[in-house]
Amino acid sequence: MMQPDRKSFDFAEHRHSYEGFVRLTVIVVFLLLSHLVALAVGGVAHLWALACLEVGLSILAAVVGAAIPGLDWKPGAAVLAFCLLTLAIAAG
């Protein structure tokens, strides 16, 4: 079996791909958490219109976070905070 030549590996490119994977994973985690809380808002308080709005906002936040590298997870975190706030108000 031949050993791969270490000179043929592009470690910078591998690192760049890994960082992109981690960035996308964090964005998707915030997206899914926002969807989960939006479903709770709809189910607990029967505010399905608000839940649909929150799902739309979370999708928009994920797209913006993925499109603009400097923002990353921040739009998703803001929408998740909004979803949690509405859940706390609706359940209380």
N, C-alpha and C. Protein backbone atom coordinates (compact mmCIF):
# COMPACT_ATOMS: atom_id res chain seq x y z
N MET A 1 0.84 -1.16 0.00
CA MET A 1 0.00 0.00 0.00
C MET A 1 0.89 1.23 0.00
N MET A 2 0.57 2.17 -0.88
CA MET A 2 1.36 3.39 -0.98
C MET A 2 0.89 4.40 0.05
N GLN A 3 1.85 5.06 0.64
CA GLN A 3 1.54 6.13 1.57
C GLN A 3 1.34 7.42 0.77
N PRO A 4 0.31 8.20 1.12
CA PRO A 4 0.12 9.46 0.40
C PRO A 4 1.24 10.43 0.71
N ASP A 5 1.58 11.20 -0.27
CA ASP A 5 2.63 12.21 -0.12
C ASP A 5 2.08 13.38 0.68
N ARG A 6 2.73 13.74 1.77
CA ARG A 6 2.25 14.83 2.62
C ARG A 6 2.27 16.16 1.89
N LYS A 7 3.10 16.27 0.89
CA LYS A 7 3.17 17.52 0.14
C LYS A 7 1.92 17.72 -0.72
N SER A 8 1.22 16.63 -1.03
CA SER A 8 0.04 16.76 -1.89
C SER A 8 -1.19 17.22 -1.11
N PHE A 9 -1.16 17.17 0.21
CA PHE A 9 -2.30 17.63 1.01
C PHE A 9 -2.26 19.15 1.13
N ASP A 10 -3.39 19.76 0.96
CA ASP A 10 -3.51 21.20 1.12
C ASP A 10 -4.20 21.45 2.45
N PHE A 11 -3.40 21.56 3.52
CA PHE A 11 -3.95 21.69 4.86
C PHE A 11 -4.74 22.98 5.03
N ALA A 12 -4.33 24.04 4.36
CA ALA A 12 -5.07 25.30 4.45
C ALA A 12 -6.48 25.13 3.88
N GLU A 13 -6.60 24.41 2.79
CA GLU A 13 -7.91 24.17 2.19
C GLU A 13 -8.76 23.27 3.07
N HIS A 14 -8.15 22.27 3.68
CA HIS A 14 -8.88 21.40 4.61
C HIS A 14 -9.39 22.21 5.81
N ARG A 15 -8.56 23.08 6.34
CA ARG A 15 -8.96 23.92 7.47
C ARG A 15 -10.10 24.86 7.08
N HIS A 16 -10.01 25.42 5.89
CA HIS A 16 -11.06 26.31 5.40
C HIS A 16 -12.38 25.55 5.26
N SER A 17 -12.33 24.34 4.75
CA SER A 17 -13.54 23.53 4.62
C SER A 17 -14.12 23.17 5.98
N TYR A 18 -13.27 22.84 6.93
CA TYR A 18 -13.73 22.51 8.29
C TYR A 18 -14.40 23.71 8.95
N GLU A 19 -13.78 24.89 8.82
CA GLU A 19 -14.37 26.10 9.41
C GLU A 19 -15.71 26.43 8.77
N GLY A 20 -15.84 26.21 7.47
CA GLY A 20 -17.11 26.42 6.80
C GLY A 20 -18.17 25.44 7.28
N PHE A 21 -17.78 24.19 7.51
CA PHE A 21 -18.70 23.19 8.03
C PHE A 21 -19.19 23.56 9.43
N VAL A 22 -18.28 23.98 10.29
CA VAL A 22 -18.65 24.37 11.66
C VAL A 22 -19.56 25.59 11.62
N ARG A 23 -19.25 26.56 10.77
CA ARG A 23 -20.07 27.77 10.65
C ARG A 23 -21.48 27.42 10.20
N LEU A 24 -21.61 26.58 9.20
CA LEU A 24 -22.92 26.18 8.72
C LEU A 24 -23.68 25.38 9.77
N THR A 25 -22.98 24.54 10.51
CA THR A 25 -23.63 23.75 11.56
C THR A 25 -24.21 24.65 12.64
N VAL A 26 -23.49 25.67 13.06
CA VAL A 26 -23.98 26.59 14.09
C VAL A 26 -25.20 27.35 13.57
N ILE A 27 -25.17 27.79 12.32
CA ILE A 27 -26.30 28.50 11.74
C ILE A 27 -27.54 27.60 11.72
N VAL A 28 -27.37 26.35 11.33
CA VAL A 28 -28.50 25.42 11.27
C VAL A 28 -29.02 25.08 12.66
N VAL A 29 -28.15 25.01 13.66
CA VAL A 29 -28.60 24.74 15.03
C VAL A 29 -29.51 25.87 15.50
N PHE A 30 -29.14 27.12 15.26
CA PHE A 30 -30.00 28.24 15.65
C PHE A 30 -31.31 28.21 14.86
N LEU A 31 -31.26 27.84 13.59
CA LEU A 31 -32.47 27.72 12.78
C LEU A 31 -33.42 26.69 13.38
N LEU A 32 -32.91 25.52 13.71
CA LEU A 32 -33.75 24.45 14.24
C LEU A 32 -34.28 24.77 15.63
N LEU A 33 -33.47 25.39 16.47
CA LEU A 33 -33.95 25.79 17.79
C LEU A 33 -35.06 26.84 17.68
N SER A 34 -34.93 27.76 16.74
CA SER A 34 -35.97 28.76 16.53
C SER A 34 -37.26 28.10 16.06
N HIS A 35 -37.14 27.12 15.17
CA HIS A 35 -38.34 26.40 14.71
C HIS A 35 -39.00 25.65 15.86
N LEU A 36 -38.20 25.05 16.71
CA LEU A 36 -38.74 24.31 17.85
C LEU A 36 -39.50 25.24 18.79
N VAL A 37 -38.92 26.38 19.10
CA VAL A 37 -39.59 27.33 19.99
C VAL A 37 -40.84 27.91 19.32
N ALA A 38 -40.77 28.16 18.01
CA ALA A 38 -41.95 28.65 17.29
C ALA A 38 -43.09 27.64 17.35
N LEU A 39 -42.77 26.37 17.23
CA LEU A 39 -43.81 25.34 17.36
C LEU A 39 -44.39 25.33 18.77
N ALA A 40 -43.55 25.60 19.75
CA ALA A 40 -44.05 25.68 21.13
C ALA A 40 -44.98 26.88 21.29
N VAL A 41 -44.65 28.00 20.66
CA VAL A 41 -45.52 29.18 20.72
C VAL A 41 -46.87 28.85 20.09
N GLY A 42 -46.85 28.18 18.97
CA GLY A 42 -48.10 27.81 18.32
C GLY A 42 -48.89 26.80 19.13
N GLY A 43 -48.21 25.84 19.71
CA GLY A 43 -48.89 24.79 20.44
C GLY A 43 -49.38 25.20 21.82
N VAL A 44 -48.59 25.99 22.52
CA VAL A 44 -48.94 26.37 23.89
C VAL A 44 -49.98 27.49 23.89
N ALA A 45 -49.72 28.53 23.10
CA ALA A 45 -50.58 29.72 23.13
C ALA A 45 -51.57 29.77 21.98
N HIS A 46 -51.51 28.81 21.09
CA HIS A 46 -52.38 28.77 19.91
C HIS A 46 -52.25 30.04 19.07
N LEU A 47 -51.04 30.54 19.00
CA LEU A 47 -50.73 31.71 18.18
C LEU A 47 -49.98 31.25 16.93
N TRP A 48 -50.69 30.57 16.05
CA TRP A 48 -50.04 29.96 14.89
C TRP A 48 -49.56 31.00 13.89
N ALA A 49 -50.24 32.13 13.79
CA ALA A 49 -49.78 33.18 12.88
C ALA A 49 -48.41 33.71 13.34
N LEU A 50 -48.27 33.91 14.64
CA LEU A 50 -46.99 34.36 15.19
C LEU A 50 -45.92 33.28 15.00
N ALA A 51 -46.30 32.04 15.18
CA ALA A 51 -45.34 30.94 14.98
C ALA A 51 -44.86 30.89 13.53
N CYS A 52 -45.77 31.11 12.59
CA CYS A 52 -45.38 31.12 11.17
C CYS A 52 -44.45 32.30 10.88
N LEU A 53 -44.73 33.45 11.49
CA LEU A 53 -43.85 34.60 11.34
C LEU A 53 -42.45 34.29 11.87
N GLU A 54 -42.39 33.65 13.02
CA GLU A 54 -41.10 33.31 13.62
C GLU A 54 -40.33 32.32 12.76
N VAL A 55 -41.02 31.35 12.16
CA VAL A 55 -40.35 30.40 11.26
C VAL A 55 -39.79 31.14 10.05
N GLY A 56 -40.59 32.05 9.49
CA GLY A 56 -40.10 32.84 8.35
C GLY A 56 -38.91 33.70 8.71
N LEU A 57 -38.96 34.32 9.88
CA LEU A 57 -37.83 35.13 10.33
C LEU A 57 -36.58 34.29 10.55
N SER A 58 -36.75 33.08 11.08
CA SER A 58 -35.58 32.24 11.33
C SER A 58 -34.95 31.77 10.03
N ILE A 59 -35.78 31.50 9.02
CA ILE A 59 -35.23 31.12 7.72
C ILE A 59 -34.47 32.30 7.11
N LEU A 60 -35.07 33.48 7.19
CA LEU A 60 -34.41 34.68 6.67
C LEU A 60 -33.09 34.94 7.41
N ALA A 61 -33.09 34.77 8.72
CA ALA A 61 -31.87 34.97 9.51
C ALA A 61 -30.78 33.97 9.13
N ALA A 62 -31.18 32.73 8.87
CA ALA A 62 -30.19 31.72 8.47
C ALA A 62 -29.58 32.06 7.11
N VAL A 63 -30.40 32.52 6.19
CA VAL A 63 -29.90 32.89 4.86
C VAL A 63 -28.95 34.09 4.96
N VAL A 64 -29.33 35.09 5.74
CA VAL A 64 -28.48 36.27 5.91
C VAL A 64 -27.18 35.88 6.61
N GLY A 65 -27.26 35.05 7.65
CA GLY A 65 -26.06 34.63 8.35
C GLY A 65 -25.12 33.82 7.48
N ALA A 66 -25.68 33.01 6.58
CA ALA A 66 -24.84 32.21 5.69
C ALA A 66 -24.26 33.06 4.56
N ALA A 67 -25.00 34.09 4.15
CA ALA A 67 -24.55 34.90 3.01
C ALA A 67 -23.49 35.93 3.41
N ILE A 68 -23.56 36.41 4.65
CA ILE A 68 -22.62 37.45 5.09
C ILE A 68 -21.69 36.83 6.14
N PRO A 69 -20.44 36.56 5.78
CA PRO A 69 -19.54 35.85 6.69
C PRO A 69 -19.33 36.52 8.04
N GLY A 70 -19.39 37.82 8.14
CA GLY A 70 -19.16 38.49 9.40
C GLY A 70 -20.29 38.29 10.40
N LEU A 71 -21.49 38.01 9.91
CA LEU A 71 -22.64 37.86 10.80
C LEU A 71 -22.76 36.45 11.39
N ASP A 72 -22.55 35.45 10.58
CA ASP A 72 -22.60 34.04 11.00
C ASP A 72 -23.87 33.71 11.78
N TRP A 73 -23.74 33.46 13.08
CA TRP A 73 -24.83 32.98 13.92
C TRP A 73 -25.65 34.09 14.55
N LYS A 74 -25.21 35.33 14.44
CA LYS A 74 -25.84 36.43 15.18
C LYS A 74 -27.30 36.69 14.78
N PRO A 75 -27.66 36.70 13.49
CA PRO A 75 -29.08 36.88 13.17
C PRO A 75 -29.95 35.75 13.72
N GLY A 76 -29.44 34.52 13.66
CA GLY A 76 -30.18 33.39 14.20
C GLY A 76 -30.36 33.48 15.70
N ALA A 77 -29.35 33.97 16.40
CA ALA A 77 -29.45 34.14 17.85
C ALA A 77 -30.47 35.21 18.20
N ALA A 78 -30.53 36.27 17.42
CA ALA A 78 -31.50 37.34 17.67
C ALA A 78 -32.93 36.82 17.48
N VAL A 79 -33.14 36.04 16.43
CA VAL A 79 -34.48 35.48 16.20
C VAL A 79 -34.82 34.48 17.28
N LEU A 80 -33.88 33.67 17.71
CA LEU A 80 -34.13 32.72 18.79
C LEU A 80 -34.50 33.45 20.08
N ALA A 81 -33.82 34.54 20.37
CA ALA A 81 -34.16 35.34 21.56
C ALA A 81 -35.58 35.90 21.44
N PHE A 82 -35.95 36.36 20.25
CA PHE A 82 -37.30 36.85 20.03
C PHE A 82 -38.33 35.74 20.23
N CYS A 83 -38.04 34.57 19.71
CA CYS A 83 -38.95 33.42 19.86
C CYS A 83 -39.10 33.04 21.34
N LEU A 84 -38.02 33.02 22.06
CA LEU A 84 -38.08 32.68 23.49
C LEU A 84 -38.85 33.74 24.27
N LEU A 85 -38.67 34.99 23.90
CA LEU A 85 -39.41 36.08 24.56
C LEU A 85 -40.90 35.94 24.31
N THR A 86 -41.29 35.68 23.06
CA THR A 86 -42.71 35.52 22.78
C THR A 86 -43.30 34.28 23.46
N LEU A 87 -42.52 33.23 23.59
CA LEU A 87 -42.98 32.05 24.29
C LEU A 87 -43.18 32.36 25.77
N ALA A 88 -42.24 33.08 26.36
CA ALA A 88 -42.36 33.44 27.79
C ALA A 88 -43.58 34.32 28.03
N ILE A 89 -43.84 35.26 27.13
CA ILE A 89 -45.01 36.14 27.29
C ILE A 89 -46.29 35.36 27.06
N ALA A 90 -46.31 34.50 26.03
CA ALA A 90 -47.53 33.76 25.71
C ALA A 90 -47.86 32.71 26.77
N ALA A 91 -46.85 32.11 27.35
CA ALA A 91 -47.10 31.05 28.33
C ALA A 91 -47.39 31.61 29.73
N GLY A 92 -46.98 32.84 29.96
CA GLY A 92 -47.11 33.40 31.30
C GLY A 92 -48.36 34.10 31.56
